[in-house]
Amino acid sequence: MLKMVDKKPTEKIEEKPKSIIGKIKEGIDDKEEQLAFLSTIVRLAVLVWSAGILTLAYVKLPAAFNIPEQKLDPTFIASVFTGTLATFGVQAAGKKKGGAGGGDANISKKDMEFLIAKASETAPAQTIRIEQAPVTIVPNAAPPKK
């Protein structure tokens, strides 16, 4: 004998593909942790971008890539790179003590006063900034009387 079995069609629930932000929200419950994770991702993206631009500034690519050579000043990109590294706690190495260009950081007050006095004796100078033009500077033959 044949038995009749009622088969009900199963309902298929289609899940929409989740975006990256949706996956972050699902994986991390706390809002502050979500923001911290997202800010880390953004900082990493800026770090990778600035490292790539700095690399391209110093490396000449072969002609096979068909990328024209760009003339750019890497100073700004380097400051972005070091600033982003600083947010991760990485700092540039300081000058070594006693080496070339590295002075002794422990100068006494007496030594500092002596250096200032010597510097003022050797080359006293004054900088004047003039905001309005034209200006004519004419030396006076006799010093002004007081």
Foldseek 3Di string as FASTA:
>chain_A
DDDDDDDDDDDDDDDDDDDPLRVLCVVDPDPVVSVVVVVVVVLVVLLVVLVVVVVLQPDDDDCVVVDDRDDDDSPVSVVSNQVSVVVVVDHDDDDDDPDVPHYDPPDDPVRVVVVVVVVCVPDPDDDDDDDDDDDDDDDDPDDDDD
